[in-house]
Amino acid sequence: MLEYRLTSAKISESHYRLLARDFVVDAIERIGLRMPERGSDVYVRRAARNVLDDEREAVLEWLDALNLGAGEWVNVFWIADREGISVSLSSFVEHYDDLWHPGADDVWISPLSEEWVLEFSHEEEVTLYSRNDQSSCHGGERDNSGINDIDDECGR
């Protein structure tokens, strides 16, 4: 599926790298544990836009206004397919409408630091989450018993 989309988008093989499935599965699990929908306070919702009726240019302008660092390399994960690539954010944004199929895909984009996550949801909403400085992961007590281990959630 992914290779077909990359070919359709005409993204040169020199501009992306396929990620190993084990890495993708681990990253999806780790990031998922940090999302507010899972009851975590590690990431907070910073911006969101329903793009259902938006023209391509409006979506591109909104994404550009987020100031996420267009030249930065990011990991892109197709959640249901458990596939991913490493690519520049600008390349993904330029081809987002070839790489994300609204109504079918949930796609997460995150820099290597995982400081933020840009979610393209199957509900045609694009949401930016970023780390919450007030999270229990910042200064919270660590429980070394393993019972309440927050290492995966906090990325330690």
N, C-alpha and C. Protein backbone atom coordinates (compact mmCIF):
# COMPACT_ATOMS: atom_id res chain seq x y z
N MET A 1 0.82 -1.19 0.00
CA MET A 1 0.00 0.00 0.00
C MET A 1 0.87 1.25 0.00
N LEU A 2 1.79 1.33 0.92
CA LEU A 2 2.60 2.54 1.07
C LEU A 2 3.48 2.80 -0.14
N GLU A 3 4.13 1.77 -0.63
CA GLU A 3 5.00 1.96 -1.79
C GLU A 3 4.21 2.44 -3.00
N TYR A 4 2.98 1.95 -3.16
CA TYR A 4 2.12 2.42 -4.25
C TYR A 4 1.84 3.91 -4.10
N ARG A 5 1.52 4.34 -2.90
CA ARG A 5 1.22 5.76 -2.67
C ARG A 5 2.45 6.63 -2.92
N LEU A 6 3.60 6.16 -2.49
CA LEU A 6 4.84 6.93 -2.71
C LEU A 6 5.14 7.06 -4.20
N THR A 7 4.90 6.00 -4.94
CA THR A 7 5.10 6.03 -6.38
C THR A 7 4.09 6.96 -7.04
N SER A 8 2.83 6.87 -6.61
CA SER A 8 1.78 7.74 -7.16
C SER A 8 2.07 9.21 -6.89
N ALA A 9 2.64 9.49 -5.72
CA ALA A 9 2.96 10.86 -5.36
C ALA A 9 4.22 11.36 -6.06
N LYS A 10 4.91 10.44 -6.72
CA LYS A 10 6.16 10.76 -7.43
C LYS A 10 7.22 11.32 -6.51
N ILE A 11 7.30 10.73 -5.31
CA ILE A 11 8.36 11.11 -4.37
C ILE A 11 9.55 10.21 -4.68
N SER A 12 10.66 10.82 -4.99
CA SER A 12 11.87 10.08 -5.34
C SER A 12 12.33 9.22 -4.16
N GLU A 13 12.82 8.02 -4.46
CA GLU A 13 13.30 7.12 -3.42
C GLU A 13 14.42 7.74 -2.59
N SER A 14 15.11 8.70 -3.14
CA SER A 14 16.19 9.36 -2.39
C SER A 14 15.66 10.35 -1.37
N HIS A 15 14.33 10.61 -1.41
CA HIS A 15 13.74 11.59 -0.51
C HIS A 15 12.98 10.99 0.67
N TYR A 16 13.00 9.68 0.80
CA TYR A 16 12.36 9.04 1.94
C TYR A 16 13.07 7.72 2.24
N ARG A 17 12.77 7.21 3.42
CA ARG A 17 13.30 5.90 3.82
C ARG A 17 12.16 5.13 4.47
N LEU A 18 11.94 3.90 4.02
CA LEU A 18 10.94 3.04 4.65
C LEU A 18 11.44 2.65 6.03
N LEU A 19 10.53 2.62 6.99
CA LEU A 19 10.88 2.26 8.36
C LEU A 19 10.56 0.79 8.61
N ALA A 20 11.38 0.15 9.42
CA ALA A 20 11.17 -1.25 9.77
C ALA A 20 9.85 -1.40 10.53
N ARG A 21 9.13 -2.47 10.24
CA ARG A 21 7.83 -2.70 10.87
C ARG A 21 7.92 -2.71 12.39
N ASP A 22 8.94 -3.36 12.96
CA ASP A 22 9.08 -3.41 14.42
C ASP A 22 9.22 -2.00 14.99
N PHE A 23 9.99 -1.15 14.33
CA PHE A 23 10.16 0.24 14.78
C PHE A 23 8.81 0.97 14.73
N VAL A 24 8.09 0.77 13.64
CA VAL A 24 6.79 1.43 13.45
C VAL A 24 5.80 0.99 14.54
N VAL A 25 5.70 -0.30 14.77
CA VAL A 25 4.77 -0.83 15.77
C VAL A 25 5.11 -0.28 17.15
N ASP A 26 6.40 -0.29 17.51
CA ASP A 26 6.82 0.25 18.81
C ASP A 26 6.51 1.73 18.93
N ALA A 27 6.79 2.50 17.88
CA ALA A 27 6.54 3.94 17.91
C ALA A 27 5.06 4.25 18.03
N ILE A 28 4.23 3.53 17.30
CA ILE A 28 2.78 3.75 17.37
C ILE A 28 2.28 3.47 18.78
N GLU A 29 2.77 2.40 19.37
CA GLU A 29 2.35 2.07 20.75
C GLU A 29 2.82 3.15 21.73
N ARG A 30 4.07 3.56 21.61
CA ARG A 30 4.65 4.55 22.52
C ARG A 30 3.92 5.89 22.40
N ILE A 31 3.74 6.35 21.19
CA ILE A 31 3.07 7.64 20.97
C ILE A 31 1.60 7.54 21.41
N GLY A 32 0.96 6.42 21.08
CA GLY A 32 -0.44 6.24 21.45
C GLY A 32 -0.67 6.34 22.94
N LEU A 33 0.26 5.81 23.72
CA LEU A 33 0.13 5.88 25.18
C LEU A 33 0.18 7.31 25.70
N ARG A 34 0.76 8.21 24.94
CA ARG A 34 0.92 9.61 25.36
C ARG A 34 -0.25 10.50 24.95
N MET A 35 -1.13 9.99 24.11
CA MET A 35 -2.21 10.81 23.57
C MET A 35 -3.31 11.05 24.60
N PRO A 36 -3.92 12.22 24.57
CA PRO A 36 -4.98 12.54 25.53
C PRO A 36 -6.15 11.56 25.48
N GLU A 37 -6.44 11.01 24.31
CA GLU A 37 -7.56 10.07 24.18
C GLU A 37 -7.35 8.82 25.02
N ARG A 38 -6.10 8.54 25.38
CA ARG A 38 -5.78 7.38 26.21
C ARG A 38 -5.69 7.77 27.69
N GLY A 39 -6.07 9.00 28.02
CA GLY A 39 -6.06 9.44 29.41
C GLY A 39 -4.70 9.98 29.87
N SER A 40 -3.78 10.15 28.96
CA SER A 40 -2.46 10.65 29.30
C SER A 40 -2.45 12.18 29.25
N ASP A 41 -1.53 12.76 30.01
CA ASP A 41 -1.37 14.21 29.94
C ASP A 41 -0.02 14.59 29.34
N VAL A 42 0.64 13.65 28.65
CA VAL A 42 1.95 13.93 28.06
C VAL A 42 1.82 14.88 26.88
N TYR A 43 0.86 14.61 25.99
CA TYR A 43 0.60 15.50 24.86
C TYR A 43 -0.70 16.25 25.10
N VAL A 44 -0.74 17.49 24.65
CA VAL A 44 -1.97 18.27 24.69
C VAL A 44 -2.28 18.76 23.28
N ARG A 45 -3.56 18.93 23.04
CA ARG A 45 -4.02 19.41 21.74
C ARG A 45 -3.72 20.91 21.63
N ARG A 46 -2.98 21.28 20.61
CA ARG A 46 -2.60 22.69 20.43
C ARG A 46 -3.37 23.38 19.31
N ALA A 47 -3.71 22.63 18.27
CA ALA A 47 -4.43 23.21 17.13
C ALA A 47 -5.15 22.09 16.40
N ALA A 48 -6.28 22.42 15.79
CA ALA A 48 -7.02 21.41 15.02
C ALA A 48 -7.81 22.11 13.93
N ARG A 49 -8.00 21.37 12.85
CA ARG A 49 -8.77 21.91 11.73
C ARG A 49 -9.47 20.76 11.02
N ASN A 50 -10.76 20.93 10.79
CA ASN A 50 -11.49 19.99 9.97
C ASN A 50 -11.26 20.43 8.52
N VAL A 51 -10.71 19.54 7.72
CA VAL A 51 -10.33 19.89 6.35
C VAL A 51 -11.29 19.32 5.30
N LEU A 52 -12.41 18.82 5.74
CA LEU A 52 -13.38 18.18 4.86
C LEU A 52 -13.70 19.04 3.63
N ASP A 53 -14.01 20.30 3.85
CA ASP A 53 -14.44 21.16 2.75
C ASP A 53 -13.36 22.15 2.32
N ASP A 54 -12.14 21.98 2.82
CA ASP A 54 -11.06 22.92 2.51
C ASP A 54 -10.42 22.64 1.16
N GLU A 55 -10.07 23.71 0.49
CA GLU A 55 -9.25 23.60 -0.72
C GLU A 55 -7.83 23.25 -0.29
N ARG A 56 -7.10 22.63 -1.17
CA ARG A 56 -5.72 22.22 -0.89
C ARG A 56 -4.87 23.39 -0.40
N GLU A 57 -4.99 24.54 -1.04
CA GLU A 57 -4.19 25.71 -0.65
C GLU A 57 -4.47 26.16 0.78
N ALA A 58 -5.71 26.08 1.21
CA ALA A 58 -6.06 26.46 2.58
C ALA A 58 -5.41 25.51 3.58
N VAL A 59 -5.40 24.23 3.27
CA VAL A 59 -4.76 23.24 4.16
C VAL A 59 -3.26 23.51 4.21
N LEU A 60 -2.63 23.75 3.06
CA LEU A 60 -1.19 24.03 3.03
C LEU A 60 -0.85 25.28 3.82
N GLU A 61 -1.65 26.32 3.70
CA GLU A 61 -1.41 27.56 4.46
C GLU A 61 -1.53 27.30 5.96
N TRP A 62 -2.54 26.55 6.36
CA TRP A 62 -2.73 26.25 7.78
C TRP A 62 -1.57 25.43 8.32
N LEU A 63 -1.14 24.42 7.58
CA LEU A 63 -0.01 23.60 8.01
C LEU A 63 1.26 24.44 8.11
N ASP A 64 1.47 25.33 7.16
CA ASP A 64 2.64 26.21 7.18
C ASP A 64 2.61 27.13 8.41
N ALA A 65 1.43 27.61 8.77
CA ALA A 65 1.29 28.51 9.91
C ALA A 65 1.61 27.83 11.24
N LEU A 66 1.63 26.50 11.28
CA LEU A 66 1.97 25.78 12.51
C LEU A 66 3.45 25.91 12.85
N ASN A 67 4.27 26.31 11.88
CA ASN A 67 5.71 26.52 12.08
C ASN A 67 6.40 25.32 12.72
N LEU A 68 6.25 24.18 12.09
CA LEU A 68 6.81 22.95 12.64
C LEU A 68 8.22 22.65 12.15
N GLY A 69 8.75 23.44 11.25
CA GLY A 69 10.09 23.18 10.73
C GLY A 69 10.03 22.34 9.47
N ALA A 70 9.68 22.97 8.36
CA ALA A 70 9.43 22.26 7.11
C ALA A 70 10.59 21.39 6.65
N GLY A 71 11.82 21.80 6.91
CA GLY A 71 12.97 21.03 6.46
C GLY A 71 13.34 19.88 7.38
N GLU A 72 12.70 19.82 8.52
CA GLU A 72 13.00 18.77 9.50
C GLU A 72 12.53 17.41 8.99
N TRP A 73 13.36 16.38 9.23
CA TRP A 73 12.95 15.02 8.90
C TRP A 73 12.05 14.51 10.00
N VAL A 74 10.99 13.84 9.58
CA VAL A 74 9.99 13.33 10.50
C VAL A 74 9.72 11.86 10.17
N ASN A 75 9.13 11.19 11.14
CA ASN A 75 8.62 9.84 10.90
C ASN A 75 7.12 9.96 10.67
N VAL A 76 6.66 9.26 9.66
CA VAL A 76 5.24 9.26 9.30
C VAL A 76 4.74 7.83 9.46
N PHE A 77 3.67 7.67 10.22
CA PHE A 77 3.14 6.34 10.52
C PHE A 77 1.70 6.23 10.05
N TRP A 78 1.41 5.19 9.26
CA TRP A 78 0.06 4.84 8.88
C TRP A 78 -0.40 3.82 9.91
N ILE A 79 -1.27 4.25 10.80
CA ILE A 79 -1.59 3.50 12.01
C ILE A 79 -2.15 2.11 11.70
N ALA A 80 -3.20 2.03 10.93
CA ALA A 80 -3.86 0.74 10.68
C ALA A 80 -2.97 -0.23 9.91
N ASP A 81 -2.16 0.30 9.01
CA ASP A 81 -1.30 -0.55 8.17
C ASP A 81 0.01 -0.91 8.83
N ARG A 82 0.31 -0.22 9.94
CA ARG A 82 1.58 -0.47 10.65
C ARG A 82 2.77 -0.31 9.71
N GLU A 83 2.72 0.76 8.90
CA GLU A 83 3.80 1.09 7.98
C GLU A 83 4.25 2.51 8.26
N GLY A 84 5.49 2.82 7.85
CA GLY A 84 5.98 4.17 8.07
C GLY A 84 7.18 4.51 7.21
N ILE A 85 7.41 5.80 7.10
CA ILE A 85 8.56 6.32 6.36
C ILE A 85 9.20 7.44 7.17
N SER A 86 10.44 7.69 6.87
CA SER A 86 11.13 8.89 7.35
C SER A 86 11.27 9.78 6.13
N VAL A 87 10.87 11.04 6.26
CA VAL A 87 10.82 11.96 5.13
C VAL A 87 10.87 13.39 5.68
N SER A 88 11.22 14.35 4.85
CA SER A 88 11.16 15.73 5.33
C SER A 88 9.70 16.12 5.49
N LEU A 89 9.44 16.95 6.48
CA LEU A 89 8.07 17.41 6.69
C LEU A 89 7.55 18.11 5.44
N SER A 90 8.39 18.90 4.80
CA SER A 90 7.95 19.62 3.60
C SER A 90 7.54 18.66 2.49
N SER A 91 8.24 17.53 2.34
CA SER A 91 7.86 16.56 1.31
C SER A 91 6.51 15.93 1.63
N PHE A 92 6.28 15.58 2.90
CA PHE A 92 4.98 15.02 3.25
C PHE A 92 3.88 16.04 2.99
N VAL A 93 4.08 17.27 3.47
CA VAL A 93 3.05 18.30 3.32
C VAL A 93 2.76 18.56 1.85
N GLU A 94 3.80 18.63 1.03
CA GLU A 94 3.62 18.87 -0.39
C GLU A 94 2.76 17.79 -1.05
N HIS A 95 2.85 16.57 -0.55
CA HIS A 95 2.14 15.44 -1.15
C HIS A 95 1.08 14.84 -0.22
N TYR A 96 0.66 15.61 0.79
CA TYR A 96 -0.23 15.04 1.80
C TYR A 96 -1.48 14.43 1.18
N ASP A 97 -2.00 15.05 0.14
CA ASP A 97 -3.25 14.57 -0.44
C ASP A 97 -3.08 13.31 -1.29
N ASP A 98 -1.84 12.94 -1.59
CA ASP A 98 -1.56 11.65 -2.24
C ASP A 98 -1.26 10.57 -1.20
N LEU A 99 -0.75 10.99 -0.04
CA LEU A 99 -0.29 10.04 0.97
C LEU A 99 -1.32 9.73 2.04
N TRP A 100 -2.27 10.63 2.24
CA TRP A 100 -3.31 10.45 3.25
C TRP A 100 -4.65 10.36 2.55
N HIS A 101 -5.39 9.31 2.82
CA HIS A 101 -6.71 9.14 2.22
C HIS A 101 -7.77 9.35 3.31
N PRO A 102 -8.35 10.54 3.36
CA PRO A 102 -9.38 10.82 4.37
C PRO A 102 -10.51 9.80 4.28
N GLY A 103 -11.05 9.49 5.42
CA GLY A 103 -12.10 8.49 5.46
C GLY A 103 -11.56 7.08 5.65
N ALA A 104 -10.27 6.89 5.36
CA ALA A 104 -9.67 5.55 5.46
C ALA A 104 -8.44 5.52 6.37
N ASP A 105 -7.67 6.59 6.38
CA ASP A 105 -6.37 6.59 7.06
C ASP A 105 -6.34 7.42 8.33
N ASP A 106 -5.59 6.93 9.29
CA ASP A 106 -5.11 7.73 10.41
C ASP A 106 -3.60 7.74 10.26
N VAL A 107 -3.03 8.93 10.16
CA VAL A 107 -1.60 9.09 9.95
C VAL A 107 -1.05 9.98 11.05
N TRP A 108 0.04 9.55 11.67
CA TRP A 108 0.74 10.37 12.66
C TRP A 108 2.08 10.76 12.11
N ILE A 109 2.44 12.02 12.32
CA ILE A 109 3.73 12.55 11.90
C ILE A 109 4.39 13.11 13.13
N SER A 110 5.66 12.76 13.32
CA SER A 110 6.37 13.22 14.51
C SER A 110 7.86 13.33 14.21
N PRO A 111 8.51 14.36 14.76
CA PRO A 111 9.97 14.43 14.60
C PRO A 111 10.61 13.32 15.43
N LEU A 112 11.87 13.10 15.22
CA LEU A 112 12.57 12.05 15.96
C LEU A 112 12.50 12.27 17.46
N SER A 113 12.44 13.53 17.89
CA SER A 113 12.35 13.85 19.32
C SER A 113 10.98 13.53 19.92
N GLU A 114 10.00 13.35 19.05
CA GLU A 114 8.61 13.12 19.46
C GLU A 114 8.07 14.24 20.35
N GLU A 115 8.57 15.45 20.13
CA GLU A 115 8.09 16.62 20.88
C GLU A 115 6.67 17.00 20.48
N TRP A 116 6.28 16.66 19.29
CA TRP A 116 4.93 16.94 18.82
C TRP A 116 4.47 15.82 17.90
N VAL A 117 3.17 15.75 17.70
CA VAL A 117 2.55 14.79 16.78
C VAL A 117 1.50 15.55 15.98
N LEU A 118 1.57 15.40 14.68
CA LEU A 118 0.55 15.95 13.79
C LEU A 118 -0.28 14.77 13.30
N GLU A 119 -1.54 14.78 13.63
CA GLU A 119 -2.42 13.67 13.29
C GLU A 119 -3.34 14.06 12.14
N PHE A 120 -3.33 13.24 11.09
CA PHE A 120 -4.29 13.34 10.00
C PHE A 120 -5.26 12.19 10.23
N SER A 121 -6.49 12.49 10.66
CA SER A 121 -7.40 11.42 11.04
C SER A 121 -8.34 11.03 9.90
N HIS A 122 -8.89 9.83 10.03
CA HIS A 122 -9.86 9.35 9.04
C HIS A 122 -11.14 10.18 9.07
N GLU A 123 -11.32 10.98 10.11
CA GLU A 123 -12.49 11.85 10.21
C GLU A 123 -12.25 13.21 9.57
N GLU A 124 -11.15 13.29 8.80
CA GLU A 124 -10.80 14.48 8.02
C GLU A 124 -10.48 15.69 8.89
N GLU A 125 -9.89 15.39 10.03
CA GLU A 125 -9.42 16.44 10.92
C GLU A 125 -7.91 16.31 11.07
N VAL A 126 -7.24 17.44 11.05
CA VAL A 126 -5.80 17.48 11.26
C VAL A 126 -5.58 18.16 12.60
N THR A 127 -4.84 17.50 13.49
CA THR A 127 -4.65 17.99 14.85
C THR A 127 -3.18 17.98 15.21
N LEU A 128 -2.74 19.07 15.83
CA LEU A 128 -1.37 19.15 16.34
C LEU A 128 -1.41 18.95 17.85
N TYR A 129 -0.63 17.99 18.31
CA TYR A 129 -0.42 17.75 19.73
C TYR A 129 1.04 18.06 20.03
N SER A 130 1.30 18.62 21.20
CA SER A 130 2.69 18.81 21.61
C SER A 130 2.83 18.46 23.08
N ARG A 131 4.08 18.30 23.48
CA ARG A 131 4.34 17.92 24.87
C ARG A 131 3.78 18.95 25.82
N ASN A 132 3.25 18.46 26.90
CA ASN A 132 2.66 19.28 27.95
C ASN A 132 3.71 19.50 29.03
N ASP A 133 4.13 20.72 29.22
CA ASP A 133 5.13 21.02 30.24
C ASP A 133 4.62 20.76 31.65
N GLN A 134 3.32 20.67 31.81
CA GLN A 134 2.72 20.42 33.13
C GLN A 134 2.42 18.94 33.35
N SER A 135 2.86 18.11 32.43
CA SER A 135 2.59 16.67 32.51
C SER A 135 3.20 16.05 33.75
N SER A 136 2.61 14.94 34.19
CA SER A 136 3.17 14.20 35.31
C SER A 136 4.55 13.66 34.97
N CYS A 137 4.90 13.68 33.69
CA CYS A 137 6.23 13.21 33.27
C CYS A 137 7.30 14.25 33.56
N HIS A 138 6.91 15.49 33.79
CA HIS A 138 7.87 16.55 34.08
C HIS A 138 7.85 16.81 35.58
N GLY A 139 8.74 16.15 36.28
CA GLY A 139 8.84 16.36 37.71
C GLY A 139 7.99 15.43 38.53
N GLY A 140 7.23 14.57 37.88
CA GLY A 140 6.42 13.61 38.62
C GLY A 140 7.31 12.56 39.27
N GLU A 141 6.83 11.95 40.31
CA GLU A 141 7.59 10.91 41.01
C GLU A 141 7.65 9.65 40.16
N ARG A 142 8.80 9.05 40.10
CA ARG A 142 8.93 7.77 39.40
C ARG A 142 8.71 6.64 40.37
N ASP A 143 7.95 5.68 39.94
CA ASP A 143 7.66 4.51 40.75
C ASP A 143 8.51 3.37 40.22
N ASN A 144 9.52 2.97 40.98
CA ASN A 144 10.44 1.93 40.52
C ASN A 144 9.93 0.52 40.79
N SER A 145 8.71 0.39 41.30
CA SER A 145 8.17 -0.94 41.57
C SER A 145 7.75 -1.66 40.30
N GLY A 146 7.53 -0.89 39.23
CA GLY A 146 7.06 -1.47 37.98
C GLY A 146 5.54 -1.52 37.91
N ILE A 147 4.87 -1.29 39.03
CA ILE A 147 3.41 -1.34 39.04
C ILE A 147 2.83 -0.16 38.27
N ASN A 148 3.35 1.02 38.51
CA ASN A 148 2.86 2.22 37.84
C ASN A 148 3.94 2.78 36.94
N ASP A 149 4.59 1.93 36.19
CA ASP A 149 5.71 2.33 35.35
C ASP A 149 5.23 3.24 34.23
N ILE A 150 5.74 4.46 34.19
CA ILE A 150 5.35 5.42 33.16
C ILE A 150 6.46 5.63 32.15
N ASP A 151 7.46 4.76 32.14
CA ASP A 151 8.56 4.94 31.21
C ASP A 151 8.10 5.02 29.76
N ASP A 152 7.24 4.08 29.34
CA ASP A 152 6.79 4.10 27.95
C ASP A 152 6.01 5.37 27.64
N GLU A 153 5.16 5.77 28.54
CA GLU A 153 4.33 6.94 28.33
C GLU A 153 5.16 8.21 28.24
N CYS A 154 6.18 8.32 29.09
CA CYS A 154 6.96 9.55 29.15
C CYS A 154 8.17 9.53 28.23
N GLY A 155 8.47 8.40 27.65
CA GLY A 155 9.57 8.33 26.73
C GLY A 155 10.92 8.30 27.40
N ARG A 156 10.98 7.81 28.62
CA ARG A 156 12.27 7.73 29.32
C ARG A 156 12.93 6.41 29.06
